[in-house]
Amino acid sequence: MESQPTDNIVLAVRAASRVYRMGEVDVHALREATLDIHDGEFLIIVGPSGSGKTTLLNLIGGMDRPTSGEVLFLDQNLSDASDRELTLYRRTRVGFIFQFYNLIPTLTALENVQVAIEVVDEPMDPMEALRLVGLEDRADHFPSQLSGGEQQRVAVARALASNPRLLLCDEPTGALDLETSREVLRLLVDLNRQLRKTVVLITHNGAIAGIGTRVAHMRDGAITTVSTNEHPTPPEEVEW
């Protein structure tokens, strides 16, 4: 009988493993990971390079399937979903924010956001998404006319515009300086609190872990501990 998420759990990972075949060798990228993601929380997944955190995020985001175990989004089992179902899940349920902004250089900030809503039934207004990240006055600027921090804010607006249930962030401050990193983290915290967006952020930087409401630590493909932050650290106080 399949495990089912409880009422406040938007996504559940159940004993999920991912094995890749590299020539004659099996690489165990993820080992029987079990994790609940609660609706409206800010979850940090932290671990060194090669710990399995990106593999786990790929399973949560429907970009890959586990070799064994389950990934459950509400009442949908992503583990045995069809390619079409996973594509629909990624487009409508998940917003992705990466280390590199992946903006289309020939489109303005507004047009980059508009691209994300072309196949969404209930999108957010693109200009409203830019307003939420503080860039409504830069809507007609091209990526080359924006700073790194502004480009990442456009990427956040693009992720928001599809009105997703989950915001998945893969090292979103990895290409930014300290001060700009704090600004982007503050933006993500504010969106989590004000819009009740469920945020999952992976990082190798343990200093960032304190801003989350919960923290999952990973090593060697396994989740080693999951803890709750009773008093999350304000992003402007993060030091690294």
Protein backbone atom coordinates (compact mmCIF):
# COMPACT_ATOMS: atom_id res chain seq x y z
CA MET A 1 0.00 0.00 0.00
CA GLU A 2 1.40 3.43 -0.97
CA SER A 3 2.31 5.99 1.67
CA GLN A 4 0.13 9.09 1.52
CA PRO A 5 1.05 12.62 2.61
CA THR A 6 -0.84 14.05 5.58
CA ASP A 7 -2.92 17.21 5.29
CA ASN A 8 -0.14 19.80 5.70
CA ILE A 9 2.44 17.91 3.64
CA VAL A 10 2.54 19.10 0.06
CA LEU A 11 5.25 16.66 -1.04
CA ALA A 12 6.63 13.47 0.50
CA VAL A 13 9.78 11.58 -0.41
CA ARG A 14 9.59 7.98 0.76
CA ALA A 15 12.74 5.79 0.87
CA ALA A 16 13.80 7.21 -2.50
CA SER A 17 17.06 6.07 -4.05
CA ARG A 18 18.66 7.07 -7.34
CA VAL A 19 21.33 4.92 -8.97
CA TYR A 20 23.13 5.95 -12.15
CA ARG A 21 25.03 3.52 -14.34
CA MET A 22 28.45 4.90 -15.26
CA GLY A 23 30.13 2.36 -17.54
CA GLU A 24 30.56 -0.75 -15.38
CA VAL A 25 29.93 1.09 -12.12
CA ASP A 26 26.69 1.87 -10.27
CA VAL A 27 26.76 5.34 -8.69
CA HIS A 28 24.41 5.68 -5.72
CA ALA A 29 23.55 9.39 -5.90
CA LEU A 30 20.70 9.10 -3.39
CA ARG A 31 20.22 6.46 -0.71
CA GLU A 32 16.72 5.76 0.69
CA ALA A 33 15.91 9.40 1.39
CA THR A 34 12.73 10.10 3.34
CA LEU A 35 11.58 13.69 3.73
CA ASP A 36 8.31 15.58 4.18
CA ILE A 37 7.89 19.07 2.74
CA HIS A 38 5.24 21.02 4.63
CA ASP A 39 2.93 23.51 3.00
CA GLY A 40 4.24 27.06 3.44
CA GLU A 41 7.59 26.18 4.98
CA PHE A 42 11.10 27.35 4.02
CA LEU A 43 13.20 24.21 3.85
CA ILE A 44 16.97 24.33 3.43
CA ILE A 45 18.77 21.24 2.15
CA VAL A 46 22.46 21.61 2.91
CA GLY A 47 25.44 19.42 2.17
CA PRO A 48 28.84 19.35 0.45
CA SER A 49 29.27 18.81 -3.28
CA GLY A 50 28.34 15.24 -4.17
CA SER A 51 26.11 14.75 -1.13
CA GLY A 52 22.99 14.09 -3.21
CA LYS A 53 21.13 17.35 -2.68
CA THR A 54 20.78 18.20 -6.40
CA THR A 55 19.60 14.65 -7.13
CA LEU A 56 16.99 15.01 -4.40
CA LEU A 57 15.87 18.38 -5.78
CA ASN A 58 15.58 16.83 -9.26
CA LEU A 59 13.21 14.19 -7.87
CA ILE A 60 11.15 16.80 -6.01
CA GLY A 61 10.98 18.92 -9.16
CA GLY A 62 9.91 16.07 -11.43
CA MET A 63 13.07 16.31 -13.51
CA ASP A 64 14.01 12.74 -12.67
CA ARG A 65 12.43 9.61 -11.20
CA PRO A 66 13.75 7.54 -8.30
CA THR A 67 15.25 4.12 -9.02
CA SER A 68 13.31 2.89 -6.00
CA GLY A 69 10.98 4.47 -3.47
CA GLU A 70 8.32 7.11 -4.04
CA VAL A 71 7.87 10.84 -4.51
CA LEU A 72 4.30 11.97 -3.76
CA PHE A 73 2.91 15.39 -4.61
CA LEU A 74 -0.40 15.61 -2.75
CA ASP A 75 -2.29 12.60 -4.19
CA GLN A 76 -0.07 12.20 -7.27
CA ASN A 77 2.71 9.63 -7.34
CA LEU A 78 5.48 11.25 -9.40
CA SER A 79 7.52 8.04 -9.32
CA ASP A 80 5.37 6.33 -11.94
CA ALA A 81 4.00 9.42 -13.69
CA SER A 82 4.20 9.57 -17.47
CA ASP A 83 6.53 11.99 -19.22
CA ARG A 84 3.50 14.13 -20.12
CA GLU A 85 2.32 14.19 -16.50
CA LEU A 86 5.78 15.18 -15.26
CA THR A 87 5.99 17.96 -17.84
CA LEU A 88 2.61 19.29 -16.69
CA TYR A 89 3.75 19.05 -13.05
CA ARG A 90 6.93 21.02 -13.77
CA ARG A 91 5.05 23.70 -15.71
CA THR A 92 2.18 24.26 -13.30
CA ARG A 93 3.23 23.14 -9.83
CA VAL A 94 6.90 24.04 -9.59
CA GLY A 95 8.91 27.22 -10.05
CA PHE A 96 12.66 26.74 -10.55
CA ILE A 97 15.37 29.22 -9.55
CA PHE A 98 18.92 28.27 -10.48
CA GLN A 99 22.42 29.57 -9.71
CA PHE A 100 22.66 30.92 -13.24
CA TYR A 101 19.70 33.00 -14.27
CA ASN A 102 19.00 31.38 -17.67
CA LEU A 103 17.30 34.51 -18.99
CA ILE A 104 16.77 34.87 -22.73
CA PRO A 105 19.15 37.71 -23.68
CA THR A 106 17.02 39.03 -26.56
CA LEU A 107 13.91 39.45 -24.37
CA THR A 108 13.20 42.19 -21.85
CA ALA A 109 12.66 41.43 -18.18
CA LEU A 110 8.90 41.48 -18.68
CA GLU A 111 9.08 39.27 -21.76
CA ASN A 112 11.29 36.77 -19.89
CA VAL A 113 8.57 36.51 -17.24
CA GLN A 114 5.80 36.26 -19.83
CA VAL A 115 7.47 33.23 -21.40
CA ALA A 116 6.83 31.26 -18.21
CA ILE A 117 3.04 31.67 -18.30
CA GLU A 118 2.28 30.71 -21.89
CA VAL A 119 1.13 27.20 -20.91
CA VAL A 120 -0.30 27.94 -17.46
CA ASP A 121 -4.04 28.06 -16.75
CA GLU A 122 -3.98 30.39 -13.72
CA PRO A 123 -0.80 32.48 -13.93
CA MET A 124 0.15 35.55 -11.98
CA ASP A 125 0.17 38.83 -13.88
CA PRO A 126 3.78 39.20 -15.16
CA MET A 127 4.02 42.85 -14.12
CA GLU A 128 2.75 41.93 -10.66
CA ALA A 129 5.48 39.28 -10.44
CA LEU A 130 8.08 41.93 -11.29
CA ARG A 131 6.54 44.27 -8.72
CA LEU A 132 6.87 41.60 -6.04
CA VAL A 133 10.61 41.39 -6.69
CA GLY A 134 11.00 45.18 -6.88
CA LEU A 135 11.69 45.43 -10.61
CA GLU A 136 8.54 46.91 -12.12
CA ASP A 137 10.55 49.96 -13.21
CA ARG A 138 13.05 47.72 -15.06
CA ALA A 139 10.46 45.78 -17.03
CA ASP A 140 11.68 47.01 -20.43
CA HIS A 141 15.37 46.37 -19.73
CA PHE A 142 17.28 43.51 -21.33
CA PRO A 143 19.36 41.12 -19.16
CA SER A 144 22.61 42.81 -20.28
CA GLN A 145 21.28 46.06 -18.81
CA LEU A 146 20.65 44.50 -15.41
CA SER A 147 23.02 43.68 -12.56
CA GLY A 148 23.51 40.08 -11.45
CA GLY A 149 21.19 40.59 -8.52
CA GLU A 150 18.53 42.14 -10.75
CA GLN A 151 18.80 39.25 -13.21
CA GLN A 152 18.28 36.79 -10.38
CA ARG A 153 15.23 38.79 -9.28
CA VAL A 154 13.82 38.49 -12.80
CA ALA A 155 14.44 34.75 -12.55
CA VAL A 156 12.50 34.71 -9.26
CA ALA A 157 9.66 36.67 -10.89
CA ARG A 158 9.63 34.19 -13.77
CA ALA A 159 9.36 31.32 -11.30
CA LEU A 160 6.54 33.08 -9.44
CA ALA A 161 4.56 33.94 -12.57
CA SER A 162 3.30 30.40 -13.11
CA ASN A 163 1.79 30.62 -9.60
CA PRO A 164 3.48 27.38 -8.48
CA ARG A 165 2.89 25.45 -5.28
CA LEU A 166 6.64 24.89 -4.81
CA LEU A 167 9.61 27.20 -5.35
CA LEU A 168 12.76 25.13 -5.82
CA CYS A 169 16.05 27.01 -5.54
CA ASP A 170 19.33 25.44 -6.62
CA GLU A 171 22.23 27.46 -5.12
CA PRO A 172 20.43 30.72 -6.00
CA THR A 173 23.18 32.92 -4.53
CA GLY A 174 26.13 30.95 -5.93
CA ALA A 175 26.96 33.55 -8.59
CA LEU A 176 26.37 36.63 -6.40
CA ASP A 177 28.46 38.69 -4.00
CA LEU A 178 27.69 38.74 -0.27
CA GLU A 179 25.47 41.82 -0.19
CA THR A 180 23.48 40.82 -3.27
CA SER A 181 23.15 37.29 -1.89
CA ARG A 182 21.57 38.69 1.25
CA GLU A 183 19.12 40.71 -0.85
CA VAL A 184 18.04 37.66 -2.84
CA LEU A 185 17.69 35.57 0.33
CA ARG A 186 15.61 38.34 1.93
CA LEU A 187 13.38 38.33 -1.15
CA LEU A 188 12.84 34.57 -0.91
CA VAL A 189 12.08 34.77 2.82
CA ASP A 190 9.59 37.59 2.23
CA LEU A 191 7.86 35.67 -0.56
CA ASN A 192 7.63 32.63 1.70
CA ARG A 193 6.04 34.65 4.49
CA GLN A 194 3.84 37.02 2.49
CA LEU A 195 2.60 34.66 -0.23
CA ARG A 196 2.88 31.45 1.81
CA LYS A 197 4.93 29.93 -0.98
CA THR A 198 6.64 26.68 -0.04
CA VAL A 199 10.36 27.21 -0.65
CA VAL A 200 13.00 24.48 -0.92
CA LEU A 201 16.56 25.78 -1.24
CA ILE A 202 19.66 23.66 -1.65
CA THR A 203 23.11 24.96 -0.78
CA HIS A 204 26.59 23.78 0.13
CA ASN A 205 26.89 26.83 2.39
CA GLY A 206 26.05 25.96 5.98
CA ALA A 207 25.82 29.65 6.92
CA ILE A 208 22.63 29.98 4.87
CA ALA A 209 20.91 27.12 6.69
CA GLY A 210 19.86 29.34 9.57
CA ILE A 211 17.39 31.34 7.48
CA GLY A 212 15.11 28.35 6.92
CA THR A 213 12.28 27.17 9.12
CA ARG A 214 13.66 23.63 8.75
CA VAL A 215 17.02 22.22 7.69
CA ALA A 216 17.86 18.84 6.17
CA HIS A 217 21.55 17.88 6.21
CA MET A 218 22.90 15.49 3.57
CA ARG A 219 26.09 13.51 3.18
CA ASP A 220 27.08 10.64 0.86
CA GLY A 221 23.65 10.51 -0.75
CA ALA A 222 21.73 10.25 2.52
CA ILE A 223 19.72 12.64 4.67
CA THR A 224 21.54 12.55 8.01
CA THR A 225 19.44 14.94 10.12
CA VAL A 226 16.36 17.12 9.82
CA SER A 227 15.89 19.90 12.36
CA THR A 228 13.56 22.83 13.01
CA ASN A 229 14.72 26.44 13.40
CA GLU A 230 12.57 28.01 16.10
CA HIS A 231 14.15 31.40 15.40
CA PRO A 232 15.37 31.67 11.79
CA THR A 233 18.29 34.01 11.16
CA PRO A 234 17.41 37.19 9.22
CA PRO A 235 19.20 37.06 5.83
CA GLU A 236 20.87 40.42 6.48
CA GLU A 237 22.68 38.83 9.44
CA VAL A 238 24.07 35.86 7.52
CA GLU A 239 27.88 35.81 7.52
CA TRP A 240 30.06 33.66 5.27
